[in-house]
Amino acid sequence: MKKTEIVIIALVLLSFAAGIYFYPQMPERIASHWDMQGNANGYLSKFWGIFFMPFILVIIAAVFLAIPRIDPLKSNIQKFRNQYDNFAIVFLLFMSMVYAQIILWNLGIQIKPNAVYPAGIGILLYFAGVLCEKSKRNWFIGVRTPWTLSSDRVWERTNRLGGRLFKLSGAISIIGAFFPDYAFYFILIPIFSAAIISVVFSYLVYKK
C-alpha cells in the first residue's frame, strides 16, 4: 500500500475515532450549517451530526483512490501522480478541518466557519492550481472541456492558465479571512471567475 493511501485511510479512521470519542459529550441536536455571517441555522440529529462527515470522508477517499485506477487515460495520471496525491491529502485534511470545526462548535467552542474556512479553502485552491499546472489530459482532473479533451496542446495551455488563476483565487480567499462578513464573496467570485476564464480560453486556443 502506498504512503498516500495509508494517510488517506488514517484520516478517515481518525474522523470516526473522533466521532466515537466525542459522541457522549455532544448535544442531541448538532449544529451543522451556518449562514454567511457565521450563525448556525441548520441542525441534524446527534448520530448524523457526528457521523455524517466521516461517512462523506469515506466516499471522498474512495473516489480519490479509484480515479487513478479507472481513468481510461490513467497512464497520463501517473505523470503527475505526486501532485495528485498531495491534492488528495490536502482535500481530506480540509474536510477534517471542517469536521473539527463542527465538533468544537457543538462542544461550546464556537469558532465561526467564515473565520477559518477562507484560509483552508485558499490552501486547497493553491494545491488545485499546482495540480492543474502539472496535469496531463485525463477525464477526471483539471480544466476539462470538449476542447481540452480533444487536444494535448489545448489541455496544457488551458490548465497552465487555470492553475495560475486558481492559485490567485486561493490568495484572494485567504484575504477573505480578514473580512469574515464578506468571506463568502472572497471565495466564490474568484473561483467562478477562474473557471469561466479557463473555459473561454480553452475554446479560443482550440480555434487558433
Protein backbone atom coordinates (compact mmCIF):
# COMPACT_ATOMS: atom_id res chain seq x y z
CA MET A 1 0.00 0.00 0.00
CA LYS A 2 1.33 3.43 -0.95
CA LYS A 3 2.13 6.07 1.67
CA THR A 4 -0.63 8.32 0.29
CA GLU A 5 -3.22 5.56 0.62
CA ILE A 6 -2.15 4.96 4.23
CA VAL A 7 -2.50 8.67 5.06
CA ILE A 8 -5.94 8.88 3.41
CA ILE A 9 -7.23 5.81 5.24
CA ALA A 10 -5.74 7.07 8.51
CA LEU A 11 -7.57 10.40 8.16
CA VAL A 12 -10.87 8.59 7.59
CA LEU A 13 -10.33 6.33 10.61
CA LEU A 14 -9.35 9.31 12.77
CA SER A 15 -12.61 11.05 11.88
CA PHE A 16 -14.61 8.04 13.07
CA ALA A 17 -12.46 7.77 16.20
CA ALA A 18 -13.09 11.45 16.98
CA GLY A 19 -16.82 10.97 16.46
CA ILE A 20 -16.95 7.99 18.80
CA TYR A 21 -14.83 9.75 21.44
CA PHE A 22 -16.85 12.98 21.49
CA TYR A 23 -20.28 11.42 20.96
CA PRO A 24 -21.23 11.23 24.68
CA GLN A 25 -20.35 14.92 25.14
CA MET A 26 -22.50 16.18 22.28
CA PRO A 27 -25.99 17.72 22.47
CA GLU A 28 -28.99 15.92 20.99
CA ARG A 29 -29.20 18.43 18.13
CA ILE A 30 -25.94 19.13 16.28
CA ALA A 31 -25.33 22.46 14.55
CA SER A 32 -24.24 21.52 11.03
CA HIS A 33 -24.88 24.55 8.83
CA TRP A 34 -24.12 28.26 9.15
CA ASP A 35 -25.21 31.41 7.33
CA MET A 36 -22.80 33.86 5.68
CA GLN A 37 -22.36 35.73 8.97
CA GLY A 38 -21.32 32.53 10.74
CA ASN A 39 -24.55 31.95 12.67
CA ALA A 40 -25.79 28.36 13.00
CA ASN A 41 -29.03 27.91 11.05
CA GLY A 42 -29.19 24.18 10.38
CA TYR A 43 -29.18 21.16 12.68
CA LEU A 44 -29.01 17.38 12.47
CA SER A 45 -29.82 14.63 14.91
CA LYS A 46 -26.97 13.60 17.20
CA PHE A 47 -25.97 10.48 15.25
CA TRP A 48 -25.98 12.09 11.81
CA GLY A 49 -24.50 15.32 13.10
CA ILE A 50 -21.50 13.40 14.41
CA PHE A 51 -21.06 10.73 11.75
CA PHE A 52 -22.29 12.39 8.55
CA MET A 53 -18.89 13.94 7.86
CA PRO A 54 -16.89 10.73 8.47
CA PHE A 55 -19.17 8.92 6.01
CA ILE A 56 -18.58 11.74 3.49
CA LEU A 57 -14.84 11.29 4.02
CA VAL A 58 -15.21 7.59 3.17
CA ILE A 59 -16.84 8.50 -0.15
CA ILE A 60 -14.25 11.17 -0.97
CA ALA A 61 -11.38 8.85 -0.09
CA ALA A 62 -12.85 6.08 -2.25
CA VAL A 63 -13.13 8.47 -5.21
CA PHE A 64 -9.53 9.66 -4.86
CA LEU A 65 -8.25 6.09 -4.58
CA ALA A 66 -10.35 4.92 -7.54
CA ILE A 67 -9.60 7.63 -10.12
CA PRO A 68 -6.01 6.56 -10.93
CA ARG A 69 -7.30 3.02 -11.47
CA ILE A 70 -10.40 3.64 -13.58
CA ASP A 71 -9.50 6.61 -15.80
CA PRO A 72 -9.14 5.43 -19.44
CA LEU A 73 -6.10 7.75 -19.59
CA LYS A 74 -4.67 6.54 -16.28
CA SER A 75 -1.17 6.36 -17.75
CA ASN A 76 -1.30 10.16 -18.02
CA ILE A 77 -2.30 10.49 -14.36
CA GLN A 78 0.88 8.66 -13.39
CA LYS A 79 2.84 11.53 -14.98
CA PHE A 80 1.59 13.93 -12.30
CA ARG A 81 0.85 11.40 -9.55
CA ASN A 82 2.82 13.25 -6.87
CA GLN A 83 0.71 16.38 -7.35
CA TYR A 84 -2.46 14.27 -7.43
CA ASP A 85 -1.55 12.51 -4.19
CA ASN A 86 -0.69 15.79 -2.49
CA PHE A 87 -4.03 17.30 -3.51
CA ALA A 88 -5.92 14.25 -2.27
CA ILE A 89 -4.29 14.53 1.16
CA VAL A 90 -4.86 18.30 1.36
CA PHE A 91 -8.52 17.82 0.38
CA LEU A 92 -9.02 15.21 3.11
CA LEU A 93 -7.23 17.47 5.61
CA PHE A 94 -9.54 20.34 4.66
CA MET A 95 -12.63 18.18 5.20
CA SER A 96 -11.15 17.06 8.52
CA MET A 97 -10.79 20.73 9.48
CA VAL A 98 -14.46 21.28 8.63
CA TYR A 99 -15.34 18.31 10.84
CA ALA A 100 -13.17 19.63 13.68
CA GLN A 101 -14.96 22.99 13.49
CA ILE A 102 -18.33 21.23 13.74
CA ILE A 103 -17.22 19.21 16.76
CA LEU A 104 -15.71 22.23 18.54
CA TRP A 105 -18.78 24.37 17.92
CA ASN A 106 -21.05 21.74 19.45
CA LEU A 107 -18.71 21.36 22.41
CA GLY A 108 -19.21 25.06 23.12
CA ILE A 109 -16.05 26.36 21.43
CA GLN A 110 -17.88 28.39 18.80
CA ILE A 111 -15.37 29.15 16.06
CA LYS A 112 -17.30 30.63 13.15
CA PRO A 113 -16.77 28.94 9.76
CA ASN A 114 -16.20 32.26 8.00
CA ALA A 115 -13.24 32.85 10.30
CA VAL A 116 -11.41 29.63 9.39
CA TYR A 117 -12.78 28.29 6.11
CA PRO A 118 -11.32 31.02 3.86
CA ALA A 119 -7.75 30.09 4.80
CA GLY A 120 -8.45 26.38 4.39
CA ILE A 121 -10.11 26.90 1.02
CA GLY A 122 -7.26 29.19 -0.03
CA ILE A 123 -4.70 26.47 0.67
CA LEU A 124 -6.88 23.93 -1.11
CA LEU A 125 -7.14 26.18 -4.17
CA TYR A 126 -3.37 26.64 -4.22
CA PHE A 127 -2.84 22.88 -4.40
CA ALA A 128 -5.62 22.64 -7.01
CA GLY A 129 -3.68 25.18 -9.05
CA VAL A 130 -0.48 23.18 -8.76
CA LEU A 131 -2.41 20.07 -9.81
CA CYS A 132 -3.86 21.81 -12.87
CA GLU A 133 -0.49 23.16 -13.97
CA LYS A 134 1.13 19.72 -13.85
CA SER A 135 -1.82 17.69 -15.11
CA LYS A 136 -1.92 15.79 -18.37
CA ARG A 137 -5.04 15.06 -20.37
CA ASN A 138 -7.47 12.83 -18.46
CA TRP A 139 -11.19 12.51 -17.76
CA PHE A 140 -11.37 13.50 -14.07
CA ILE A 141 -8.80 16.13 -13.09
CA GLY A 142 -8.09 19.65 -14.31
CA VAL A 143 -9.96 22.01 -16.63
CA ARG A 144 -11.95 19.55 -18.74
CA THR A 145 -13.84 20.98 -21.70
CA PRO A 146 -14.60 19.48 -25.13
CA TRP A 147 -11.61 21.44 -26.42
CA THR A 148 -9.05 20.48 -23.78
CA LEU A 149 -10.08 16.83 -24.03
CA SER A 150 -9.59 16.95 -27.80
CA SER A 151 -6.02 18.26 -27.80
CA ASP A 152 -2.93 17.91 -25.62
CA ARG A 153 -1.84 21.38 -26.75
CA VAL A 154 -5.11 22.98 -25.67
CA TRP A 155 -5.08 20.98 -22.44
CA GLU A 156 -1.61 22.09 -21.42
CA ARG A 157 -2.11 25.78 -22.24
CA THR A 158 -5.53 25.93 -20.60
CA ASN A 159 -4.53 24.10 -17.44
CA ARG A 160 -1.37 26.18 -17.12
CA LEU A 161 -3.53 29.31 -17.11
CA GLY A 162 -6.21 27.68 -14.96
CA GLY A 163 -3.60 26.62 -12.43
CA ARG A 164 -2.34 30.18 -12.06
CA LEU A 165 -5.87 31.52 -11.74
CA PHE A 166 -6.76 29.01 -9.03
CA LYS A 167 -3.61 29.91 -7.12
CA LEU A 168 -4.64 33.56 -7.33
CA SER A 169 -8.14 32.59 -6.20
CA GLY A 170 -6.59 30.86 -3.21
CA ALA A 171 -4.70 34.01 -2.24
CA ILE A 172 -7.87 36.11 -2.51
CA SER A 173 -9.78 33.53 -0.46
CA ILE A 174 -7.23 33.78 2.35
CA ILE A 175 -7.66 37.56 2.38
CA GLY A 176 -11.35 36.88 3.00
CA ALA A 177 -10.45 35.59 6.47
CA PHE A 178 -9.80 39.21 7.45
CA PHE A 179 -13.30 40.21 6.30
CA PRO A 180 -15.46 37.41 7.74
CA ASP A 181 -18.78 39.08 6.88
CA TYR A 182 -17.79 39.04 3.21
CA ALA A 183 -15.69 35.85 3.17
CA PHE A 184 -18.30 34.08 1.03
CA TYR A 185 -17.69 36.55 -1.80
CA PHE A 186 -13.90 36.37 -1.46
CA ILE A 187 -14.20 32.63 -2.05
CA LEU A 188 -16.89 32.20 -4.70
CA ILE A 189 -16.30 35.15 -7.03
CA PRO A 190 -12.63 34.29 -7.76
CA ILE A 191 -13.43 30.58 -8.19
CA PHE A 192 -16.24 31.21 -10.68
CA SER A 193 -14.16 33.81 -12.49
CA ALA A 194 -11.21 31.41 -12.80
CA ALA A 195 -13.49 28.66 -14.11
CA ILE A 196 -15.22 30.86 -16.69
CA ILE A 197 -11.97 32.40 -17.94
CA SER A 198 -10.40 28.94 -18.28
CA VAL A 199 -13.33 27.56 -20.27
CA VAL A 200 -13.41 30.53 -22.65
CA PHE A 201 -9.62 30.41 -23.02
CA SER A 202 -9.72 26.70 -23.93
CA TYR A 203 -12.14 27.45 -26.77
CA LEU A 204 -10.04 30.35 -28.08
CA VAL A 205 -6.86 28.26 -28.04
CA TYR A 206 -8.65 25.41 -29.81
CA LYS A 207 -9.88 27.74 -32.58
CA LYS A 208 -6.38 29.02 -33.34
